[in-house]
Amino acid sequence: MINSGNPLTEQYRPFLEAPLRLADVFTKASKAYAEGIKASQVYGEGVLRYFQDFNEAFQISVGDFESVERERIFNAPPDETFREYSQLLLMNLKMAEKATRASVATVMEYHLPKTADAFDALLNTIFGLEGKQIDTFFSEQSRLLERVVYEYPQAIRAIRDEYGFHFDRSGYVKAGETDRFDLYQVLPTHKDVSVRKNGKPVIVVPPFVLGTNILAFLPNDDKSYVHAFANRGIPTYIRVAKNIWTTPAFQVMTGDDDAKDTKHFCEIVKKRHGKNVTLNGYCQGGFSSLCNILSGELDGLVDTLITCVSPMDGTRSPGLASFLKSLPPRFNNLEYGTKTLPSGNKVADGKLMGWVYKLRAIENEYPLVDFYRDMVMLSADGSAKGRFNKTALAIKYWLAYERTDLPLPITRMSFYSYNIPITRDGTLPVRLFGRKLNLKRITEKGVRWLIAYGEKDDLVEKETALAPKDFIEVETTEFPKGHLAIATSWSNPKTEYALDKRFGKNNQRGPVLFQLEIDQQDKGGK
């Protein structure tokens, strides 16, 4: 620092301090350059990591496509093959265009404001102004990228200890088993709650695609669908599929097998509690639960049905059904998503099924868009130093690690429901035990049914979930947000749309309250 007090010194201060200012600018610029180099390296690694899963599914898809077409291409007329290949190419080009537009828009939306911030920081540094300096700006960006690319994935893996079911710990009691499934009773996590043995029991049927753990999202944080029931003293059970890789009986499971196993579990639960069971299916589990009831196999065992975000008529889906219809008929075939396990049994590839869901909404699910979405989320605190959000971690864990393969007969049931509509008389496009499945049987047997759906669900849109309303009277409840919100956000009893409350314009009942009031109603009628 140059001494003050001397008039001559003061007069020439700007000239005397210029070298110091230049040195300071050079130092900060050098630090900014070094941080920029580091940030660019981390950025490149991050992009590769985010594309890894997408590319892996793409390679599997290409391999399956070539394997199937090696045989089929010679069994179709050349002109037909040319036409269908051209249609497929056009479809791919359209998806590529959507992905490119979304990526460019996302990158520009993020980097344009950052460019302005960088320029401000540069001016502050050059002219010695107050505010963020250029080295600090680049240091923060580098730190953010390290957080996204290195620390975030570690935190996602670490959340497994809190996320989902842990049947090897206390809080669960095994109640039954078949060759394909285990049945566990879910005990309350609230210490002041005990299970009402004479309460009306509920068996929760998880989705095959989404997996079981999503229904026990973060139990210790009161974000768990099944524990929302158990913590109200309801006898709560969960049907858990065995590992498909090591269970040949599950690999070849049919809809009939599913119904038989469900019947066996309902018999166990009814015997334990002396009351008919409520079958409660989430997503695909809701559709299979409905089919099981309509088959007649559960007569005298199940008198209440709850379905959450369940696809009842997939042909009404503005998203997935439209995507499938845009495929040339030749390629809308399960063969292209089938793989053979070491046992020799063929199953539907869960990774490819998840990839198809991404393709239908590629403008939101493309890896580069996801990468920038995470950067925005993790920089929201302005310092990139805040703690990770547990809900975001758990959802990311589910997306990364919870996909599983599916039995082909079960996948075929869903495939039919997305390609063949419910008939005018209410008959579903699938059969069990060779029997037609008609929705009007719900009314004939006096089964109480609540359909819960997400207002902004883009996976199972409300048109798909509410299809049965066109054929029979059924109670419905609309929840805000999307496909997972009922199992995550609204499972917390402190939220506005908690599962055990009434809410909305029509004073709708959440699934837990529906179960409690049905039980009370049955008691009052005795």
Protein backbone atom coordinates (compact mmCIF):
# COMPACT_ATOMS: atom_id res chain seq x y z
CA MET A 1 0.00 0.00 0.00
CA ILE A 2 1.37 3.43 -0.91
CA ASN A 3 1.72 5.82 2.05
CA SER A 4 -0.68 8.78 2.04
CA GLY A 5 -0.25 12.26 3.48
CA ASN A 6 2.25 13.54 0.93
CA PRO A 7 0.44 15.87 -1.55
CA LEU A 8 2.72 14.73 -4.34
CA THR A 9 2.02 11.11 -3.54
CA GLU A 10 -1.70 11.75 -3.55
CA GLN A 11 -1.46 13.50 -6.90
CA TYR A 12 0.27 10.57 -8.55
CA ARG A 13 -1.52 7.79 -6.61
CA PRO A 14 -3.42 6.43 -9.67
CA PHE A 15 -0.16 6.06 -11.58
CA LEU A 16 1.71 4.57 -8.64
CA GLU A 17 -1.05 2.00 -7.89
CA ALA A 18 -1.52 0.99 -11.53
CA PRO A 19 1.15 -1.75 -11.38
CA LEU A 20 -0.44 -3.13 -8.21
CA ARG A 21 -3.88 -3.09 -9.85
CA LEU A 22 -2.48 -4.79 -12.92
CA ALA A 23 -0.83 -7.46 -10.77
CA ASP A 24 -4.10 -8.03 -8.89
CA VAL A 25 -6.06 -8.32 -12.14
CA PHE A 26 -3.48 -10.71 -13.57
CA THR A 27 -3.58 -12.87 -10.42
CA LYS A 28 -7.36 -13.07 -10.39
CA ALA A 29 -7.47 -13.70 -14.13
CA SER A 30 -4.96 -16.52 -13.75
CA LYS A 31 -7.02 -18.09 -10.98
CA ALA A 32 -10.15 -17.70 -13.10
CA TYR A 33 -8.42 -19.37 -16.05
CA ALA A 34 -7.28 -22.29 -13.89
CA GLU A 35 -10.77 -22.71 -12.42
CA GLY A 36 -12.25 -22.49 -15.92
CA ILE A 37 -9.98 -25.29 -17.17
CA LYS A 38 -10.94 -27.46 -14.20
CA ALA A 39 -14.63 -26.66 -14.67
CA SER A 40 -14.53 -27.59 -18.36
CA GLN A 41 -12.96 -30.96 -17.52
CA VAL A 42 -15.58 -31.70 -14.87
CA TYR A 43 -18.32 -30.51 -17.23
CA GLY A 44 -17.18 -32.94 -19.92
CA GLU A 45 -17.10 -35.81 -17.46
CA GLY A 46 -20.56 -34.85 -16.20
CA VAL A 47 -22.07 -34.86 -19.69
CA LEU A 48 -20.59 -38.30 -20.35
CA ARG A 49 -21.96 -39.65 -17.07
CA TYR A 50 -25.45 -38.35 -17.72
CA PHE A 51 -25.47 -39.85 -21.20
CA GLN A 52 -24.11 -43.22 -20.04
CA ASP A 53 -27.42 -44.78 -19.02
CA PHE A 54 -29.22 -43.38 -22.06
CA ASN A 55 -26.56 -44.69 -24.41
CA GLU A 56 -26.54 -48.09 -22.74
CA ALA A 57 -30.29 -48.46 -23.29
CA PHE A 58 -29.84 -47.26 -26.88
CA GLN A 59 -27.19 -49.91 -27.57
CA ILE A 60 -29.40 -52.63 -26.05
CA SER A 61 -32.27 -51.42 -28.21
CA VAL A 62 -30.17 -51.50 -31.37
CA GLY A 63 -28.93 -55.00 -30.54
CA ASP A 64 -32.47 -56.29 -29.94
CA PHE A 65 -33.71 -54.58 -33.09
CA GLU A 66 -31.01 -56.18 -35.24
CA SER A 67 -31.63 -59.59 -33.66
CA VAL A 68 -35.37 -59.51 -34.40
CA GLU A 69 -35.07 -57.93 -37.84
CA ARG A 70 -32.49 -60.48 -38.95
CA GLU A 71 -35.36 -62.96 -39.19
CA ARG A 72 -38.35 -60.73 -39.88
CA ILE A 73 -36.88 -58.66 -42.69
CA PHE A 74 -36.91 -61.63 -45.07
CA ASN A 75 -40.52 -62.48 -44.25
CA ALA A 76 -41.95 -59.13 -45.36
CA PRO A 77 -42.30 -57.70 -48.90
CA PRO A 78 -39.41 -55.32 -49.75
CA ASP A 79 -41.71 -52.38 -50.50
CA GLU A 80 -43.41 -52.79 -47.10
CA THR A 81 -40.05 -52.99 -45.34
CA PHE A 82 -38.84 -49.86 -47.12
CA ARG A 83 -42.01 -47.95 -46.19
CA GLU A 84 -41.92 -48.98 -42.52
CA TYR A 85 -38.18 -48.32 -42.20
CA SER A 86 -38.74 -44.87 -43.71
CA GLN A 87 -41.51 -44.18 -41.20
CA LEU A 88 -39.25 -45.30 -38.37
CA LEU A 89 -36.43 -43.08 -39.64
CA LEU A 90 -38.78 -40.10 -39.82
CA MET A 91 -39.95 -40.76 -36.27
CA ASN A 92 -36.34 -40.92 -35.05
CA LEU A 93 -35.51 -37.67 -36.82
CA LYS A 94 -38.45 -35.95 -35.15
CA MET A 95 -37.31 -37.18 -31.74
CA ALA A 96 -33.77 -36.05 -32.47
CA GLU A 97 -35.10 -32.63 -33.43
CA LYS A 98 -37.07 -32.39 -30.16
CA ALA A 99 -34.01 -33.44 -28.15
CA THR A 100 -31.79 -30.93 -29.95
CA ARG A 101 -34.24 -28.05 -29.56
CA ALA A 102 -34.73 -28.82 -25.86
CA SER A 103 -30.97 -29.10 -25.29
CA VAL A 104 -30.17 -25.83 -27.06
CA ALA A 105 -32.96 -24.02 -25.23
CA THR A 106 -31.81 -25.41 -21.88
CA VAL A 107 -28.16 -24.53 -22.47
CA MET A 108 -29.01 -21.00 -23.62
CA GLU A 109 -31.41 -20.43 -20.74
CA TYR A 110 -28.67 -21.36 -18.29
CA HIS A 111 -25.60 -19.80 -19.88
CA LEU A 112 -26.89 -16.45 -21.16
CA PRO A 113 -27.47 -15.04 -17.64
CA LYS A 114 -24.17 -16.62 -16.55
CA THR A 115 -22.36 -14.85 -19.39
CA ALA A 116 -23.73 -11.52 -18.19
CA ASP A 117 -22.67 -12.36 -14.63
CA ALA A 118 -19.18 -13.27 -15.85
CA PHE A 119 -18.88 -9.98 -17.72
CA ASP A 120 -19.94 -8.03 -14.62
CA ALA A 121 -17.39 -9.92 -12.55
CA LEU A 122 -14.70 -9.13 -15.14
CA LEU A 123 -15.51 -5.39 -15.05
CA ASN A 124 -15.47 -5.46 -11.24
CA THR A 125 -12.02 -7.02 -11.35
CA ILE A 126 -10.53 -4.69 -13.98
CA PHE A 127 -11.79 -1.45 -12.45
CA GLY A 128 -11.55 -2.47 -8.81
CA LEU A 129 -15.29 -2.19 -8.25
CA GLU A 130 -17.21 -3.79 -5.42
CA GLY A 131 -19.01 -7.03 -6.16
CA LYS A 132 -18.09 -10.51 -7.29
CA GLN A 133 -14.63 -10.84 -8.85
CA ILE A 134 -13.83 -12.94 -11.90
CA ASP A 135 -11.85 -15.55 -9.97
CA THR A 136 -14.68 -15.97 -7.48
CA PHE A 137 -17.20 -16.38 -10.30
CA PHE A 138 -15.24 -19.18 -11.97
CA SER A 139 -14.46 -20.78 -8.62
CA GLU A 140 -18.19 -20.98 -7.80
CA GLN A 141 -18.99 -22.51 -11.19
CA SER A 142 -16.23 -25.07 -10.79
CA ARG A 143 -17.45 -25.91 -7.30
CA LEU A 144 -21.02 -26.31 -8.53
CA LEU A 145 -19.96 -28.74 -11.25
CA GLU A 146 -17.92 -30.81 -8.79
CA ARG A 147 -20.96 -30.93 -6.57
CA VAL A 148 -23.21 -32.10 -9.41
CA VAL A 149 -20.81 -34.60 -10.97
CA TYR A 150 -19.03 -36.07 -7.94
CA GLU A 151 -20.79 -35.35 -4.65
CA TYR A 152 -24.40 -35.65 -5.81
CA PRO A 153 -24.05 -39.24 -7.14
CA GLN A 154 -22.35 -40.26 -3.88
CA ALA A 155 -25.19 -38.77 -1.86
CA ILE A 156 -27.74 -40.55 -4.10
CA ARG A 157 -26.12 -43.92 -3.40
CA ALA A 158 -25.90 -43.14 0.31
CA ILE A 159 -29.64 -42.41 0.61
CA ARG A 160 -30.38 -46.13 0.14
CA ASP A 161 -29.98 -46.60 3.89
CA GLU A 162 -33.04 -44.41 4.46
CA TYR A 163 -34.96 -45.06 1.25
CA GLY A 164 -37.39 -47.89 0.66
CA PHE A 165 -38.04 -51.14 2.47
CA HIS A 166 -35.50 -52.89 4.65
CA PHE A 167 -37.18 -56.16 5.49
CA ASP A 168 -34.13 -57.35 7.42
CA ARG A 169 -34.80 -54.66 10.02
CA SER A 170 -37.52 -54.32 12.62
CA GLY A 171 -40.81 -52.85 11.50
CA TYR A 172 -41.81 -55.68 9.16
CA VAL A 173 -43.20 -59.16 9.79
CA LYS A 174 -43.29 -61.83 7.12
CA ALA A 175 -46.86 -63.08 6.83
CA GLY A 176 -46.86 -65.35 3.78
CA GLU A 177 -45.01 -66.59 0.71
CA THR A 178 -45.59 -68.15 -2.70
CA ASP A 179 -43.18 -69.21 -5.42
CA ARG A 180 -43.33 -65.67 -6.81
CA PHE A 181 -44.09 -63.27 -3.95
CA ASP A 182 -43.53 -62.58 -0.27
CA LEU A 183 -46.15 -60.94 1.93
CA TYR A 184 -45.00 -58.62 4.73
CA GLN A 185 -46.96 -56.80 7.36
CA VAL A 186 -45.84 -53.19 7.66
CA LEU A 187 -45.76 -51.98 11.27
CA PRO A 188 -46.16 -48.35 12.36
CA THR A 189 -43.07 -46.15 12.60
CA HIS A 190 -44.85 -43.93 15.13
CA LYS A 191 -44.15 -45.37 18.57
CA ASP A 192 -47.50 -44.20 19.98
CA VAL A 193 -49.49 -46.15 17.37
CA SER A 194 -50.43 -49.82 17.59
CA VAL A 195 -52.06 -51.99 14.96
CA ARG A 196 -55.80 -52.55 15.46
CA LYS A 197 -56.03 -56.32 15.08
CA ASN A 198 -59.76 -56.12 14.34
CA GLY A 199 -59.32 -53.26 11.87
CA LYS A 200 -60.09 -53.66 8.17
CA PRO A 201 -56.82 -54.84 6.56
CA VAL A 202 -55.26 -53.54 3.37
CA ILE A 203 -52.87 -55.32 1.01
CA VAL A 204 -50.81 -52.92 -1.10
CA VAL A 205 -49.88 -54.19 -4.56
CA PRO A 206 -46.84 -52.31 -5.92
CA PRO A 207 -46.19 -51.59 -9.58
CA PHE A 208 -44.01 -54.04 -11.51
CA VAL A 209 -42.21 -51.32 -13.45
CA LEU A 210 -41.62 -48.76 -10.70
CA GLY A 211 -40.64 -51.36 -8.11
CA THR A 212 -41.68 -51.85 -4.50
CA ASN A 213 -39.41 -49.39 -2.72
CA ILE A 214 -41.11 -46.29 -4.08
CA LEU A 215 -44.02 -47.07 -1.73
CA ALA A 216 -41.74 -46.75 1.31
CA PHE A 217 -40.05 -43.61 0.04
CA LEU A 218 -38.55 -42.11 3.23
CA PRO A 219 -40.33 -43.82 6.15
CA ASN A 220 -38.42 -42.01 8.88
CA ASP A 221 -39.41 -38.65 7.36
CA ASP A 222 -43.11 -39.57 7.20
CA LYS A 223 -42.95 -39.85 3.41
CA SER A 224 -44.11 -43.41 2.84
CA TYR A 225 -47.32 -44.55 1.19
CA VAL A 226 -47.60 -47.84 3.10
CA HIS A 227 -46.62 -46.29 6.44
CA ALA A 228 -49.31 -43.64 5.98
CA PHE A 229 -51.78 -46.52 6.43
CA ALA A 230 -49.82 -48.34 9.13
CA ASN A 231 -49.36 -45.18 11.20
CA ARG A 232 -53.14 -44.87 11.51
CA GLY A 233 -53.34 -48.32 13.09
CA ILE A 234 -54.60 -49.99 9.88
CA PRO A 235 -53.41 -53.61 9.43
CA THR A 236 -51.18 -52.96 6.43
CA TYR A 237 -49.53 -55.54 4.19
CA ILE A 238 -47.31 -55.27 1.13
CA ARG A 239 -46.95 -57.85 -1.63
CA VAL A 240 -43.30 -58.04 -2.69
CA ALA A 241 -42.12 -59.68 -5.90
CA LYS A 242 -39.14 -62.00 -5.62
CA ASN A 243 -35.96 -61.35 -7.57
CA ILE A 244 -36.78 -62.10 -11.19
CA TRP A 245 -33.18 -63.04 -11.98
CA THR A 246 -33.14 -65.87 -9.43
CA THR A 247 -36.81 -66.90 -9.45
CA PRO A 248 -37.82 -68.91 -12.55
CA ALA A 249 -41.44 -69.13 -11.33
CA PHE A 250 -41.66 -65.35 -11.40
CA GLN A 251 -39.94 -65.11 -14.78
CA VAL A 252 -42.83 -66.98 -16.43
CA MET A 253 -45.64 -65.68 -14.22
CA THR A 254 -49.01 -65.20 -15.90
CA GLY A 255 -51.99 -63.08 -14.92
CA ASP A 256 -53.64 -66.25 -13.61
CA ASP A 257 -50.64 -66.88 -11.34
CA ASP A 258 -50.85 -63.31 -10.11
CA ALA A 259 -54.52 -63.78 -9.19
CA LYS A 260 -53.87 -67.12 -7.46
CA ASP A 261 -51.08 -65.66 -5.32
CA THR A 262 -53.18 -62.62 -4.45
CA LYS A 263 -56.04 -64.93 -3.43
CA HIS A 264 -53.68 -66.90 -1.19
CA PHE A 265 -52.49 -63.74 0.55
CA CYS A 266 -56.03 -62.43 0.97
CA GLU A 267 -57.00 -65.69 2.64
CA ILE A 268 -54.10 -65.33 5.09
CA VAL A 269 -54.93 -61.71 5.91
CA LYS A 270 -58.68 -62.28 6.25
CA LYS A 271 -58.05 -65.18 8.63
CA ARG A 272 -55.75 -63.01 10.76
CA HIS A 273 -58.14 -60.07 11.07
CA GLY A 274 -61.57 -61.57 10.45
CA LYS A 275 -62.51 -59.02 7.81
CA ASN A 276 -62.59 -58.77 4.05
CA VAL A 277 -59.50 -57.20 2.54
CA THR A 278 -59.00 -53.88 0.77
CA LEU A 279 -56.81 -54.38 -2.29
CA ASN A 280 -54.73 -51.27 -2.91
CA GLY A 281 -52.79 -51.10 -6.17
CA TYR A 282 -50.33 -48.40 -7.18
CA CYS A 283 -49.78 -47.73 -10.91
CA GLN A 284 -49.62 -51.08 -12.73
CA GLY A 285 -50.45 -52.80 -9.44
CA GLY A 286 -53.86 -51.13 -9.59
CA PHE A 287 -54.61 -52.57 -13.02
CA SER A 288 -53.61 -56.10 -12.00
CA SER A 289 -55.65 -55.74 -8.77
CA LEU A 290 -58.71 -54.76 -10.80
CA CYS A 291 -58.22 -57.72 -13.13
CA ASN A 292 -57.90 -60.09 -10.18
CA ILE A 293 -61.18 -58.84 -8.68
CA LEU A 294 -63.02 -59.00 -12.01
CA SER A 295 -61.86 -62.59 -12.50
CA GLY A 296 -64.03 -63.70 -9.57
CA GLU A 297 -61.11 -65.38 -7.80
CA LEU A 298 -61.27 -62.90 -4.92
CA ASP A 299 -65.01 -63.17 -4.27
CA GLY A 300 -65.67 -63.38 -0.54
CA LEU A 301 -62.18 -62.07 0.22
CA VAL A 302 -62.01 -58.52 -1.22
CA ASP A 303 -64.82 -55.97 -0.99
CA THR A 304 -62.89 -52.72 -1.45
CA LEU A 305 -60.45 -51.48 -4.10
CA ILE A 306 -58.12 -48.49 -4.08
CA THR A 307 -56.13 -47.66 -7.21
CA CYS A 308 -53.58 -44.86 -7.37
CA VAL A 309 -52.36 -43.40 -10.68
CA SER A 310 -53.25 -46.70 -12.35
CA PRO A 311 -53.57 -47.06 -16.14
CA MET A 312 -57.04 -48.50 -16.76
CA ASP A 313 -57.32 -47.78 -20.48
CA GLY A 314 -53.95 -46.90 -21.93
CA THR A 315 -55.39 -46.07 -25.33
CA ARG A 316 -56.65 -42.80 -23.82
CA SER A 317 -53.13 -41.71 -22.92
CA PRO A 318 -52.16 -38.49 -24.73
CA GLY A 319 -48.50 -39.41 -24.17
CA LEU A 320 -47.54 -43.07 -24.32
CA ALA A 321 -50.50 -44.27 -26.39
CA SER A 322 -49.84 -41.52 -28.95
CA PHE A 323 -46.19 -42.52 -29.01
CA LEU A 324 -47.08 -46.17 -29.64
CA LYS A 325 -49.54 -45.22 -32.37
CA SER A 326 -46.83 -43.22 -34.13
CA LEU A 327 -44.74 -46.38 -34.44
CA PRO A 328 -45.17 -48.38 -37.62
CA PRO A 329 -47.29 -51.41 -36.60
CA ARG A 330 -44.42 -53.73 -37.41
CA PHE A 331 -42.30 -52.24 -34.61
CA ASN A 332 -45.03 -51.93 -32.00
CA ASN A 333 -44.17 -55.40 -30.80
CA LEU A 334 -42.86 -56.76 -27.49
CA GLU A 335 -40.24 -58.82 -29.33
CA TYR A 336 -38.10 -55.69 -29.65
CA GLY A 337 -37.92 -55.32 -25.86
CA THR A 338 -37.40 -58.96 -24.90
CA LYS A 339 -34.27 -60.55 -23.50
CA THR A 340 -33.34 -64.09 -22.50
CA LEU A 341 -32.16 -64.79 -18.95
CA PRO A 342 -29.53 -67.43 -18.06
CA SER A 343 -32.42 -69.78 -17.20
CA GLY A 344 -33.55 -69.63 -20.83
CA ASN A 345 -36.76 -67.81 -19.94
CA LYS A 346 -37.62 -64.66 -21.88
CA VAL A 347 -38.60 -61.50 -19.99
CA ALA A 348 -39.34 -57.88 -20.83
CA ASP A 349 -36.24 -55.72 -20.46
CA GLY A 350 -36.91 -53.20 -17.67
CA LYS A 351 -34.15 -50.87 -18.81
CA LEU A 352 -35.66 -50.61 -22.27
CA MET A 353 -39.14 -50.03 -20.88
CA GLY A 354 -37.82 -47.15 -18.81
CA TRP A 355 -36.07 -45.83 -21.91
CA VAL A 356 -39.31 -45.89 -23.90
CA TYR A 357 -40.95 -43.68 -21.27
CA LYS A 358 -38.07 -41.24 -21.70
CA LEU A 359 -38.35 -41.27 -25.48
CA ARG A 360 -42.03 -40.35 -25.45
CA ALA A 361 -41.16 -37.15 -23.54
CA ILE A 362 -37.62 -36.72 -24.79
CA GLU A 363 -37.73 -32.92 -24.63
CA ASN A 364 -37.90 -33.24 -20.83
CA GLU A 365 -35.92 -36.44 -20.31
CA TYR A 366 -32.91 -36.00 -22.60
CA PRO A 367 -29.68 -36.44 -20.59
CA LEU A 368 -28.32 -32.95 -21.29
CA VAL A 369 -31.60 -31.40 -20.11
CA ASP A 370 -31.44 -33.54 -16.96
CA PHE A 371 -27.83 -32.47 -16.34
CA TYR A 372 -28.69 -28.75 -16.47
CA ARG A 373 -31.83 -29.32 -14.41
CA ASP A 374 -29.65 -30.74 -11.63
CA MET A 375 -27.21 -27.84 -11.93
CA VAL A 376 -30.03 -25.33 -11.52
CA MET A 377 -31.46 -27.24 -8.57
CA LEU A 378 -28.13 -27.51 -6.75
CA SER A 379 -27.23 -23.87 -7.36
CA ALA A 380 -30.55 -22.62 -5.99
CA ASP A 381 -28.96 -21.61 -2.67
CA GLY A 382 -26.57 -19.29 -4.53
CA SER A 383 -23.44 -20.83 -3.09
CA ALA A 384 -23.56 -24.47 -4.17
CA LYS A 385 -22.72 -25.36 -0.58
CA GLY A 386 -26.13 -26.20 0.83
CA ARG A 387 -27.15 -29.69 1.93
CA PHE A 388 -28.74 -32.02 -0.57
CA ASN A 389 -32.50 -32.38 -0.52
CA LYS A 390 -33.38 -35.91 0.66
CA THR A 391 -36.49 -36.11 -1.47
CA ALA A 392 -34.50 -35.30 -4.61
CA LEU A 393 -31.86 -37.86 -3.63
CA ALA A 394 -34.45 -40.60 -3.09
CA ILE A 395 -36.16 -39.90 -6.41
CA LYS A 396 -32.82 -39.97 -8.21
CA TYR A 397 -31.96 -43.27 -6.51
CA TRP A 398 -35.26 -44.73 -7.67
CA LEU A 399 -34.64 -43.54 -11.23
CA ALA A 400 -31.09 -44.91 -11.29
CA TYR A 401 -31.38 -48.23 -9.48
CA GLU A 402 -34.99 -49.43 -9.24
CA ARG A 403 -35.72 -50.63 -12.74
CA THR A 404 -36.32 -54.35 -13.06
CA ASP A 405 -37.24 -56.84 -15.74
CA LEU A 406 -40.83 -58.05 -16.05
CA PRO A 407 -42.50 -61.37 -16.84
CA LEU A 408 -43.62 -61.33 -20.46
CA PRO A 409 -47.25 -62.42 -19.80
CA ILE A 410 -47.68 -59.56 -17.31
CA THR A 411 -46.07 -57.09 -19.71
CA ARG A 412 -48.37 -58.34 -22.43
CA MET A 413 -51.41 -57.44 -20.30
CA SER A 414 -50.19 -53.84 -20.08
CA PHE A 415 -49.30 -53.88 -23.76
CA TYR A 416 -52.86 -54.88 -24.66
CA SER A 417 -54.33 -52.21 -22.39
CA TYR A 418 -52.33 -49.52 -24.23
CA ASN A 419 -53.27 -50.78 -27.67
CA ILE A 420 -56.84 -52.07 -27.29
CA PRO A 421 -59.52 -49.90 -25.66
CA ILE A 422 -62.15 -51.04 -23.17
CA THR A 423 -65.21 -52.11 -25.18
CA ARG A 424 -68.49 -50.23 -25.10
CA ASP A 425 -69.97 -52.70 -22.63
CA GLY A 426 -67.03 -52.25 -20.22
CA THR A 427 -64.96 -55.34 -21.08
CA LEU A 428 -61.19 -55.11 -20.63
CA PRO A 429 -58.86 -56.23 -23.44
CA VAL A 430 -57.36 -59.03 -21.31
CA ARG A 431 -58.68 -62.27 -19.83
CA LEU A 432 -57.89 -64.30 -16.73
CA PHE A 433 -58.62 -68.01 -16.50
CA GLY A 434 -60.19 -67.65 -19.94
CA ARG A 435 -62.89 -65.37 -18.49
CA LYS A 436 -63.94 -61.97 -19.77
CA LEU A 437 -63.25 -59.13 -17.35
CA ASN A 438 -66.10 -56.63 -17.27
CA LEU A 439 -66.10 -53.49 -15.14
CA LYS A 440 -69.79 -53.83 -14.31
CA ARG A 441 -68.91 -56.76 -12.06
CA ILE A 442 -67.59 -54.20 -9.57
CA THR A 443 -71.12 -52.83 -9.17
CA GLU A 444 -72.74 -56.27 -9.18
CA LYS A 445 -70.53 -57.46 -6.33
CA GLY A 446 -70.83 -54.22 -4.36
CA VAL A 447 -67.08 -53.52 -4.38
CA ARG A 448 -66.26 -50.01 -3.10
CA TRP A 449 -63.67 -48.37 -5.38
CA LEU A 450 -61.61 -45.23 -4.99
CA ILE A 451 -59.56 -44.00 -7.95
CA ALA A 452 -56.81 -41.57 -6.95
CA TYR A 453 -54.96 -39.76 -9.73
CA GLY A 454 -52.48 -36.96 -10.27
CA GLU A 455 -53.67 -33.66 -11.76
CA LYS A 456 -50.42 -33.22 -13.71
CA ASP A 457 -49.43 -36.86 -14.11
CA ASP A 458 -47.64 -37.17 -17.45
CA LEU A 459 -46.92 -40.89 -17.03
CA VAL A 460 -50.46 -42.14 -16.33
CA GLU A 461 -52.62 -39.22 -17.42
CA LYS A 462 -55.98 -38.71 -15.73
CA GLU A 463 -57.82 -39.69 -18.93
CA THR A 464 -56.20 -43.11 -18.60
CA ALA A 465 -56.84 -43.50 -14.87
CA LEU A 466 -60.47 -42.32 -14.96
CA ALA A 467 -61.65 -44.49 -17.87
CA PRO A 468 -63.87 -46.73 -15.65
CA LYS A 469 -66.08 -43.71 -14.84
CA ASP A 470 -67.57 -44.06 -18.32
CA PHE A 471 -69.01 -47.45 -17.38
CA ILE A 472 -69.73 -47.52 -13.62
CA GLU A 473 -70.08 -45.25 -10.60
CA VAL A 474 -66.75 -44.91 -8.81
CA GLU A 475 -65.36 -42.44 -6.29
CA THR A 476 -62.42 -40.35 -7.44
CA THR A 477 -59.83 -38.16 -5.73
CA GLU A 478 -57.55 -35.72 -7.52
CA PHE A 479 -54.13 -34.89 -6.11
CA PRO A 480 -51.92 -32.03 -7.26
CA LYS A 481 -48.62 -32.77 -9.01
CA GLY A 482 -47.62 -35.90 -10.87
CA HIS A 483 -47.17 -39.64 -10.81
CA LEU A 484 -45.12 -40.03 -7.64
CA ALA A 485 -46.61 -37.26 -5.50
CA ILE A 486 -49.15 -39.51 -3.74
CA ALA A 487 -46.34 -41.85 -2.67
CA THR A 488 -43.93 -39.06 -1.74
CA SER A 489 -45.20 -35.53 -1.04
CA TRP A 490 -48.74 -36.34 0.08
CA SER A 491 -47.80 -39.36 2.19
CA ASN A 492 -46.64 -36.85 4.79
CA PRO A 493 -49.58 -36.35 7.23
CA LYS A 494 -48.62 -32.69 7.75
CA THR A 495 -49.23 -31.70 4.13
CA GLU A 496 -52.36 -30.05 2.78
CA TYR A 497 -53.25 -33.07 0.67
CA ALA A 498 -52.33 -35.76 3.19
CA LEU A 499 -53.74 -39.21 2.50
CA ASP A 500 -55.82 -39.21 5.67
CA LYS A 501 -57.59 -35.89 5.00
CA ARG A 502 -60.43 -34.41 2.99
CA PHE A 503 -59.41 -31.71 0.54
CA GLY A 504 -60.19 -29.97 -2.72
CA LYS A 505 -63.32 -28.31 -4.02
CA ASN A 506 -65.40 -31.46 -3.68
CA ASN A 507 -64.15 -32.40 -0.22
CA GLN A 508 -62.47 -35.51 -1.63
CA ARG A 509 -61.17 -38.34 0.53
CA GLY A 510 -57.54 -39.42 0.55
CA PRO A 511 -56.94 -43.20 0.31
CA VAL A 512 -56.14 -43.59 4.03
CA LEU A 513 -59.27 -41.70 5.09
CA PHE A 514 -61.28 -43.73 2.58
CA GLN A 515 -60.00 -46.93 4.22
CA LEU A 516 -60.71 -45.67 7.76
CA GLU A 517 -64.23 -44.51 6.94
CA ILE A 518 -65.10 -47.71 5.05
CA ASP A 519 -64.01 -49.66 8.13
CA GLN A 520 -66.14 -47.44 10.37
CA GLN A 521 -69.06 -47.74 7.98
CA ASP A 522 -68.84 -51.55 8.05
CA LYS A 523 -68.75 -51.56 11.83
CA GLY A 524 -71.81 -49.31 11.97
CA GLY A 525 -73.70 -51.64 9.70
CA LYS A 526 -73.20 -54.64 11.94
